[in-house]
Amino acid sequence: MTHRGGEDMRELVYYLARSLVDHPDKVVLEEKSSGDTVLFELSVAPEDMGKVIGRSGKTIEALRTVVQVVASSMGKKCRLEILG
């Protein structure tokens, strides 16, 4: 990752979320930072919610894992929440 750490994480989450859904134009990602912790709040079209969550929550957990690994490599903590 480059020196733009937080921006890179945001771009990664945004790219992955848009790749999963049928309506990528309705993906909205808000970022809130506090110290070394970043919170991403993801909103998608109601009909795409199931695609982002996945069967038994496996897709969202995989997204969270990827984001946490990237954040950890930059010395940060990260949370990803879906707003519905």
PDB file of N, CA and C in Angstrom:
ATOM      1  N   MET A   1       0.830  -1.181   0.000  1.00  0.00           N
ATOM      2  CA  MET A   1       0.000   0.000   0.000  1.00  0.00           C
ATOM      3  C   MET A   1       0.875   1.244   0.000  1.00  0.00           C
ATOM      4  N   THR A   2       0.336   2.291  -0.529  1.00  0.00           N
ATOM      5  CA  THR A   2       1.074   3.543  -0.597  1.00  0.00           C
ATOM      6  C   THR A   2       0.887   4.349   0.666  1.00  0.00           C
ATOM      7  N   HIS A   3       1.450   5.543   0.684  1.00  0.00           N
ATOM      8  CA  HIS A   3       1.339   6.406   1.847  1.00  0.00           C
ATOM      9  C   HIS A   3      -0.076   6.931   2.049  1.00  0.00           C
ATOM     10  N   ARG A   4      -0.958   6.707   1.102  1.00  0.00           N
ATOM     11  CA  ARG A   4      -2.331   7.194   1.203  1.00  0.00           C
ATOM     12  C   ARG A   4      -3.202   6.231   1.984  1.00  0.00           C
ATOM     13  N   GLY A   5      -2.660   5.391   2.810  1.00  0.00           N
ATOM     14  CA  GLY A   5      -3.312   4.333   3.551  1.00  0.00           C
ATOM     15  C   GLY A   5      -4.821   4.324   3.640  1.00  0.00           C
ATOM     16  N   GLY A   6      -5.426   5.310   4.316  1.00  0.00           N
ATOM     17  CA  GLY A   6      -6.870   5.344   4.501  1.00  0.00           C
ATOM     18  C   GLY A   6      -7.611   5.427   3.186  1.00  0.00           C
ATOM     19  N   GLU A   7      -7.085   6.215   2.274  1.00  0.00           N
ATOM     20  CA  GLU A   7      -7.722   6.343   0.963  1.00  0.00           C
ATOM     21  C   GLU A   7      -7.660   5.018   0.204  1.00  0.00           C
ATOM     22  N   ASP A   8      -6.547   4.320   0.312  1.00  0.00           N
ATOM     23  CA  ASP A   8      -6.416   3.017  -0.342  1.00  0.00           C
ATOM     24  C   ASP A   8      -7.418   2.016   0.225  1.00  0.00           C
ATOM     25  N   MET A   9      -7.597   2.021   1.547  1.00  0.00           N
ATOM     26  CA  MET A   9      -8.571   1.116   2.161  1.00  0.00           C
ATOM     27  C   MET A   9      -9.972   1.436   1.662  1.00  0.00           C
ATOM     28  N   ARG A  10     -10.282   2.710   1.607  1.00  0.00           N
ATOM     29  CA  ARG A  10     -11.601   3.141   1.130  1.00  0.00           C
ATOM     30  C   ARG A  10     -11.818   2.676  -0.306  1.00  0.00           C
ATOM     31  N   GLU A  11     -10.831   2.875  -1.162  1.00  0.00           N
ATOM     32  CA  GLU A  11     -10.945   2.460  -2.561  1.00  0.00           C
ATOM     33  C   GLU A  11     -11.129   0.949  -2.671  1.00  0.00           C
ATOM     34  N   LEU A  12     -10.424   0.191  -1.837  1.00  0.00           N
ATOM     35  CA  LEU A  12     -10.539  -1.269  -1.845  1.00  0.00           C
ATOM     36  C   LEU A  12     -11.953  -1.708  -1.461  1.00  0.00           C
ATOM     37  N   VAL A  13     -12.466  -1.178  -0.368  1.00  0.00           N
ATOM     38  CA  VAL A  13     -13.816  -1.543   0.090  1.00  0.00           C
ATOM     39  C   VAL A  13     -14.845  -1.157  -0.968  1.00  0.00           C
ATOM     40  N   TYR A  14     -14.708   0.034  -1.512  1.00  0.00           N
ATOM     41  CA  TYR A  14     -15.642   0.524  -2.526  1.00  0.00           C
ATOM     42  C   TYR A  14     -15.603  -0.368  -3.769  1.00  0.00           C
ATOM     43  N   TYR A  15     -14.412  -0.713  -4.227  1.00  0.00           N
ATOM     44  CA  TYR A  15     -14.253  -1.574  -5.402  1.00  0.00           C
ATOM     45  C   TYR A  15     -14.870  -2.959  -5.159  1.00  0.00           C
ATOM     46  N   LEU A  16     -14.562  -3.558  -4.026  1.00  0.00           N
ATOM     47  CA  LEU A  16     -15.084  -4.892  -3.730  1.00  0.00           C
ATOM     48  C   LEU A  16     -16.609  -4.879  -3.622  1.00  0.00           C
ATOM     49  N   ALA A  17     -17.150  -3.886  -2.947  1.00  0.00           N
ATOM     50  CA  ALA A  17     -18.610  -3.808  -2.787  1.00  0.00           C
ATOM     51  C   ALA A  17     -19.283  -3.633  -4.145  1.00  0.00           C
ATOM     52  N   ARG A  18     -18.759  -2.749  -4.971  1.00  0.00           N
ATOM     53  CA  ARG A  18     -19.349  -2.514  -6.296  1.00  0.00           C
ATOM     54  C   ARG A  18     -19.257  -3.757  -7.178  1.00  0.00           C
ATOM     55  N   SER A  19     -18.228  -4.569  -6.971  1.00  0.00           N
ATOM     56  CA  SER A  19     -18.052  -5.790  -7.756  1.00  0.00           C
ATOM     57  C   SER A  19     -19.076  -6.863  -7.407  1.00  0.00           C
ATOM     58  N   LEU A  20     -19.624  -6.795  -6.206  1.00  0.00           N
ATOM     59  CA  LEU A  20     -20.552  -7.823  -5.736  1.00  0.00           C
ATOM     60  C   LEU A  20     -22.004  -7.590  -6.134  1.00  0.00           C
ATOM     61  N   VAL A  21     -22.378  -6.355  -6.392  1.00  0.00           N
ATOM     62  CA  VAL A  21     -23.794  -6.007  -6.507  1.00  0.00           C
ATOM     63  C   VAL A  21     -24.246  -5.840  -7.955  1.00  0.00           C
ATOM     64  N   ASP A  22     -25.575  -5.861  -8.136  1.00  0.00           N
ATOM     65  CA  ASP A  22     -26.171  -5.632  -9.458  1.00  0.00           C
ATOM     66  C   ASP A  22     -26.341  -4.143  -9.749  1.00  0.00           C
ATOM     67  N   HIS A  23     -26.357  -3.318  -8.699  1.00  0.00           N
ATOM     68  CA  HIS A  23     -26.557  -1.872  -8.853  1.00  0.00           C
ATOM     69  C   HIS A  23     -25.372  -1.116  -8.243  1.00  0.00           C
ATOM     70  N   PRO A  24     -24.199  -1.158  -8.910  1.00  0.00           N
ATOM     71  CA  PRO A  24     -23.012  -0.524  -8.333  1.00  0.00           C
ATOM     72  C   PRO A  24     -23.146   0.983  -8.145  1.00  0.00           C
ATOM     73  N   ASP A  25     -24.029   1.609  -8.925  1.00  0.00           N
ATOM     74  CA  ASP A  25     -24.228   3.053  -8.793  1.00  0.00           C
ATOM     75  C   ASP A  25     -24.907   3.434  -7.476  1.00  0.00           C
ATOM     76  N   LYS A  26     -25.479   2.450  -6.779  1.00  0.00           N
ATOM     77  CA  LYS A  26     -26.164   2.730  -5.514  1.00  0.00           C
ATOM     78  C   LYS A  26     -25.303   2.398  -4.291  1.00  0.00           C
ATOM     79  N   VAL A  27     -24.047   2.046  -4.529  1.00  0.00           N
ATOM     80  CA  VAL A  27     -23.139   1.767  -3.419  1.00  0.00           C
ATOM     81  C   VAL A  27     -22.664   3.101  -2.837  1.00  0.00           C
ATOM     82  N   VAL A  28     -22.845   3.248  -1.533  1.00  0.00           N
ATOM     83  CA  VAL A  28     -22.396   4.454  -0.830  1.00  0.00           C
ATOM     84  C   VAL A  28     -21.511   3.992   0.328  1.00  0.00           C
ATOM     85  N   LEU A  29     -20.341   4.595   0.433  1.00  0.00           N
ATOM     86  CA  LEU A  29     -19.404   4.222   1.483  1.00  0.00           C
ATOM     87  C   LEU A  29     -19.002   5.467   2.260  1.00  0.00           C
ATOM     88  N   GLU A  30     -19.340   5.472   3.543  1.00  0.00           N
ATOM     89  CA  GLU A  30     -18.969   6.572   4.432  1.00  0.00           C
ATOM     90  C   GLU A  30     -17.796   6.115   5.285  1.00  0.00           C
ATOM     91  N   GLU A  31     -16.889   7.018   5.547  1.00  0.00           N
ATOM     92  CA  GLU A  31     -15.711   6.708   6.356  1.00  0.00           C
ATOM     93  C   GLU A  31     -15.664   7.632   7.564  1.00  0.00           C
ATOM     94  N   LYS A  32     -15.461   7.033   8.733  1.00  0.00           N
ATOM     95  CA  LYS A  32     -15.322   7.804   9.966  1.00  0.00           C
ATOM     96  C   LYS A  32     -14.045   7.347  10.652  1.00  0.00           C
ATOM     97  N   SER A  33     -13.199   8.291  11.007  1.00  0.00           N
ATOM     98  CA  SER A  33     -11.924   7.960  11.641  1.00  0.00           C
ATOM     99  C   SER A  33     -11.872   8.494  13.059  1.00  0.00           C
ATOM    100  N   SER A  34     -11.195   7.734  13.902  1.00  0.00           N
ATOM    101  CA  SER A  34     -10.957   8.157  15.272  1.00  0.00           C
ATOM    102  C   SER A  34      -9.618   7.561  15.696  1.00  0.00           C
ATOM    103  N   GLY A  35      -8.594   8.384  15.738  1.00  0.00           N
ATOM    104  CA  GLY A  35      -7.262   7.888  16.093  1.00  0.00           C
ATOM    105  C   GLY A  35      -6.763   6.909  15.049  1.00  0.00           C
ATOM    106  N   ASP A  36      -6.428   5.703  15.491  1.00  0.00           N
ATOM    107  CA  ASP A  36      -5.936   4.697  14.553  1.00  0.00           C
ATOM    108  C   ASP A  36      -7.037   3.736  14.100  1.00  0.00           C
ATOM    109  N   THR A  37      -8.304   4.079  14.368  1.00  0.00           N
ATOM    110  CA  THR A  37      -9.428   3.235  13.989  1.00  0.00           C
ATOM    111  C   THR A  37     -10.254   3.904  12.892  1.00  0.00           C
ATOM    112  N   VAL A  38     -10.596   3.121  11.880  1.00  0.00           N
ATOM    113  CA  VAL A  38     -11.421   3.606  10.778  1.00  0.00           C
ATOM    114  C   VAL A  38     -12.690   2.767  10.737  1.00  0.00           C
ATOM    115  N   LEU A  39     -13.832   3.447  10.640  1.00  0.00           N
ATOM    116  CA  LEU A  39     -15.122   2.768  10.500  1.00  0.00           C
ATOM    117  C   LEU A  39     -15.661   3.065   9.107  1.00  0.00           C
ATOM    118  N   PHE A  40     -15.951   2.023   8.355  1.00  0.00           N
ATOM    119  CA  PHE A  40     -16.594   2.170   7.063  1.00  0.00           C
ATOM    120  C   PHE A  40     -18.046   1.739   7.197  1.00  0.00           C
ATOM    121  N   GLU A  41     -18.963   2.589   6.737  1.00  0.00           N
ATOM    122  CA  GLU A  41     -20.388   2.266   6.734  1.00  0.00           C
ATOM    123  C   GLU A  41     -20.812   2.124   5.282  1.00  0.00           C
ATOM    124  N   LEU A  42     -21.239   0.929   4.929  1.00  0.00           N
ATOM    125  CA  LEU A  42     -21.581   0.589   3.551  1.00  0.00           C
ATOM    126  C   LEU A  42     -23.087   0.519   3.375  1.00  0.00           C
ATOM    127  N   SER A  43     -23.580   1.201   2.357  1.00  0.00           N
ATOM    128  CA  SER A  43     -24.997   1.129   1.996  1.00  0.00           C
ATOM    129  C   SER A  43     -25.087   0.657   0.555  1.00  0.00           C
ATOM    130  N   VAL A  44     -26.014  -0.253   0.294  1.00  0.00           N
ATOM    131  CA  VAL A  44     -26.259  -0.750  -1.063  1.00  0.00           C
ATOM    132  C   VAL A  44     -27.769  -0.749  -1.304  1.00  0.00           C
ATOM    133  N   ALA A  45     -28.162  -0.958  -2.550  1.00  0.00           N
ATOM    134  CA  ALA A  45     -29.584  -1.056  -2.880  1.00  0.00           C
ATOM    135  C   ALA A  45     -30.194  -2.210  -2.075  1.00  0.00           C
ATOM    136  N   PRO A  46     -31.432  -2.062  -1.620  1.00  0.00           N
ATOM    137  CA  PRO A  46     -32.064  -3.127  -0.813  1.00  0.00           C
ATOM    138  C   PRO A  46     -32.008  -4.504  -1.480  1.00  0.00           C
ATOM    139  N   GLU A  47     -32.168  -4.540  -2.801  1.00  0.00           N
ATOM    140  CA  GLU A  47     -32.156  -5.835  -3.487  1.00  0.00           C
ATOM    141  C   GLU A  47     -30.755  -6.446  -3.582  1.00  0.00           C
ATOM    142  N   ASP A  48     -29.722  -5.672  -3.269  1.00  0.00           N
ATOM    143  CA  ASP A  48     -28.346  -6.178  -3.295  1.00  0.00           C
ATOM    144  C   ASP A  48     -27.833  -6.572  -1.912  1.00  0.00           C
ATOM    145  N   MET A  49     -28.611  -6.298  -0.884  1.00  0.00           N
ATOM    146  CA  MET A  49     -28.174  -6.572   0.482  1.00  0.00           C
ATOM    147  C   MET A  49     -27.758  -8.035   0.663  1.00  0.00           C
ATOM    148  N   GLY A  50     -28.529  -8.952   0.128  1.00  0.00           N
ATOM    149  CA  GLY A  50     -28.215 -10.374   0.262  1.00  0.00           C
ATOM    150  C   GLY A  50     -26.907 -10.757  -0.390  1.00  0.00           C
ATOM    151  N   LYS A  51     -26.567 -10.104  -1.493  1.00  0.00           N
ATOM    152  CA  LYS A  51     -25.312 -10.404  -2.180  1.00  0.00           C
ATOM    153  C   LYS A  51     -24.116  -9.962  -1.351  1.00  0.00           C
ATOM    154  N   VAL A  52     -24.254  -8.842  -0.670  1.00  0.00           N
ATOM    155  CA  VAL A  52     -23.148  -8.334   0.135  1.00  0.00           C
ATOM    156  C   VAL A  52     -23.005  -9.143   1.425  1.00  0.00           C
ATOM    157  N   ILE A  53     -24.122  -9.533   2.009  1.00  0.00           N
ATOM    158  CA  ILE A  53     -24.071 -10.319   3.241  1.00  0.00           C
ATOM    159  C   ILE A  53     -23.653 -11.756   2.939  1.00  0.00           C
ATOM    160  N   GLY A  54     -24.219 -12.338   1.902  1.00  0.00           N
ATOM    161  CA  GLY A  54     -23.861 -13.703   1.528  1.00  0.00           C
ATOM    162  C   GLY A  54     -24.569 -14.736   2.380  1.00  0.00           C
ATOM    163  N   ARG A  55     -24.412 -15.975   1.975  1.00  0.00           N
ATOM    164  CA  ARG A  55     -25.038 -17.077   2.691  1.00  0.00           C
ATOM    165  C   ARG A  55     -24.415 -17.217   4.069  1.00  0.00           C
ATOM    166  N   SER A  56     -25.225 -17.158   5.093  1.00  0.00           N
ATOM    167  CA  SER A  56     -24.783 -17.238   6.494  1.00  0.00           C
ATOM    168  C   SER A  56     -23.770 -16.155   6.843  1.00  0.00           C
ATOM    169  N   GLY A  57     -23.774 -15.043   6.103  1.00  0.00           N
ATOM    170  CA  GLY A  57     -22.879 -13.934   6.415  1.00  0.00           C
ATOM    171  C   GLY A  57     -21.448 -14.121   5.968  1.00  0.00           C
ATOM    172  N   LYS A  58     -21.211 -15.119   5.125  1.00  0.00           N
ATOM    173  CA  LYS A  58     -19.834 -15.434   4.733  1.00  0.00           C
ATOM    174  C   LYS A  58     -19.195 -14.348   3.868  1.00  0.00           C
ATOM    175  N   THR A  59     -19.956 -13.710   3.002  1.00  0.00           N
ATOM    176  CA  THR A  59     -19.386 -12.686   2.124  1.00  0.00           C
ATOM    177  C   THR A  59     -18.959 -11.460   2.919  1.00  0.00           C
ATOM    178  N   ILE A  60     -19.823 -10.973   3.796  1.00  0.00           N
ATOM    179  CA  ILE A  60     -19.465  -9.789   4.579  1.00  0.00           C
ATOM    180  C   ILE A  60     -18.315 -10.103   5.518  1.00  0.00           C
ATOM    181  N   GLU A  61     -18.259 -11.297   6.061  1.00  0.00           N
ATOM    182  CA  GLU A  61     -17.138 -11.664   6.931  1.00  0.00           C
ATOM    183  C   GLU A  61     -15.836 -11.711   6.140  1.00  0.00           C
ATOM    184  N   ALA A  62     -15.886 -12.184   4.904  1.00  0.00           N
ATOM    185  CA  ALA A  62     -14.688 -12.197   4.055  1.00  0.00           C
ATOM    186  C   ALA A  62     -14.234 -10.768   3.749  1.00  0.00           C
ATOM    187  N   LEU A  63     -15.193  -9.882   3.456  1.00  0.00           N
ATOM    188  CA  LEU A  63     -14.855  -8.478   3.224  1.00  0.00           C
ATOM    189  C   LEU A  63     -14.212  -7.869   4.468  1.00  0.00           C
ATOM    190  N   ARG A  64     -14.788  -8.142   5.603  1.00  0.00           N
ATOM    191  CA  ARG A  64     -14.238  -7.599   6.854  1.00  0.00           C
ATOM    192  C   ARG A  64     -12.823  -8.112   7.096  1.00  0.00           C
ATOM    193  N   THR A  65     -12.591  -9.374   6.816  1.00  0.00           N
ATOM    194  CA  THR A  65     -11.263  -9.956   7.004  1.00  0.00           C
ATOM    195  C   THR A  65     -10.240  -9.277   6.111  1.00  0.00           C
ATOM    196  N   VAL A  66     -10.577  -9.087   4.840  1.00  0.00           N
ATOM    197  CA  VAL A  66      -9.663  -8.430   3.907  1.00  0.00           C
ATOM    198  C   VAL A  66      -9.341  -7.022   4.395  1.00  0.00           C
ATOM    199  N   VAL A  67     -10.356  -6.278   4.784  1.00  0.00           N
ATOM    200  CA  VAL A  67     -10.158  -4.902   5.239  1.00  0.00           C
ATOM    201  C   VAL A  67      -9.309  -4.874   6.512  1.00  0.00           C
ATOM    202  N   GLN A  68      -9.548  -5.792   7.428  1.00  0.00           N
ATOM    203  CA  GLN A  68      -8.783  -5.821   8.667  1.00  0.00           C
ATOM    204  C   GLN A  68      -7.321  -6.173   8.423  1.00  0.00           C
ATOM    205  N   VAL A  69      -7.059  -7.063   7.471  1.00  0.00           N
ATOM    206  CA  VAL A  69      -5.677  -7.429   7.143  1.00  0.00           C
ATOM    207  C   VAL A  69      -4.945  -6.229   6.553  1.00  0.00           C
ATOM    208  N   VAL A  70      -5.596  -5.537   5.632  1.00  0.00           N
ATOM    209  CA  VAL A  70      -4.985  -4.353   5.022  1.00  0.00           C
ATOM    210  C   VAL A  70      -4.742  -3.286   6.089  1.00  0.00           C
ATOM    211  N   ALA A  71      -5.726  -3.043   6.932  1.00  0.00           N
ATOM    212  CA  ALA A  71      -5.590  -2.038   7.991  1.00  0.00           C
ATOM    213  C   ALA A  71      -4.458  -2.413   8.941  1.00  0.00           C
ATOM    214  N   SER A  72      -4.390  -3.665   9.313  1.00  0.00           N
ATOM    215  CA  SER A  72      -3.354  -4.129  10.230  1.00  0.00           C
ATOM    216  C   SER A  72      -1.962  -3.919   9.642  1.00  0.00           C
ATOM    217  N   SER A  73      -1.822  -4.130   8.347  1.00  0.00           N
ATOM    218  CA  SER A  73      -0.519  -3.943   7.708  1.00  0.00           C
ATOM    219  C   SER A  73      -0.091  -2.476   7.725  1.00  0.00           C
ATOM    220  N   MET A  74      -1.051  -1.577   7.951  1.00  0.00           N
ATOM    221  CA  MET A  74      -0.755  -0.147   8.027  1.00  0.00           C
ATOM    222  C   MET A  74      -0.765   0.349   9.472  1.00  0.00           C
ATOM    223  N   GLY A  75      -0.871  -0.571  10.430  1.00  0.00           N
ATOM    224  CA  GLY A  75      -0.879  -0.184  11.834  1.00  0.00           C
ATOM    225  C   GLY A  75      -2.177   0.463  12.276  1.00  0.00           C
ATOM    226  N   LYS A  76      -3.273   0.133  11.592  1.00  0.00           N
ATOM    227  CA  LYS A  76      -4.577   0.700  11.934  1.00  0.00           C
ATOM    228  C   LYS A  76      -5.550  -0.412  12.281  1.00  0.00           C
ATOM    229  N   LYS A  77      -6.699  -0.012  12.807  1.00  0.00           N
ATOM    230  CA  LYS A  77      -7.804  -0.927  13.052  1.00  0.00           C
ATOM    231  C   LYS A  77      -8.955  -0.480  12.172  1.00  0.00           C
ATOM    232  N   CYS A  78      -9.730  -1.425  11.710  1.00  0.00           N
ATOM    233  CA  CYS A  78     -10.813  -1.074  10.797  1.00  0.00           C
ATOM    234  C   CYS A  78     -12.040  -1.918  11.077  1.00  0.00           C
ATOM    235  N   ARG A  79     -13.197  -1.273  10.962  1.00  0.00           N
ATOM    236  CA  ARG A  79     -14.478  -1.973  11.078  1.00  0.00           C
ATOM    237  C   ARG A  79     -15.289  -1.673   9.826  1.00  0.00           C
ATOM    238  N   LEU A  80     -16.041  -2.647   9.376  1.00  0.00           N
ATOM    239  CA  LEU A  80     -16.917  -2.492   8.226  1.00  0.00           C
ATOM    240  C   LEU A  80     -18.322  -2.886   8.654  1.00  0.00           C
ATOM    241  N   GLU A  81     -19.254  -1.949   8.525  1.00  0.00           N
ATOM    242  CA  GLU A  81     -20.648  -2.187   8.888  1.00  0.00           C
ATOM    243  C   GLU A  81     -21.525  -1.949   7.670  1.00  0.00           C
ATOM    244  N   ILE A  82     -22.595  -2.730   7.578  1.00  0.00           N
ATOM    245  CA  ILE A  82     -23.573  -2.528   6.508  1.00  0.00           C
ATOM    246  C   ILE A  82     -24.787  -1.844   7.113  1.00  0.00           C
ATOM    247  N   LEU A  83     -25.176  -0.754   6.499  1.00  0.00           N
ATOM    248  CA  LEU A  83     -26.374  -0.044   6.945  1.00  0.00           C
ATOM    249  C   LEU A  83     -27.552  -0.522   6.121  1.00  0.00           C
ATOM    250  N   GLY A  84     -28.602  -0.903   6.748  1.00  0.00           N
ATOM    251  CA  GLY A  84     -29.746  -1.387   6.009  1.00  0.00           C
ATOM    252  C   GLY A  84     -30.961  -0.845   6.551  1.00  0.00           C
TER     253      GLY A  84
END
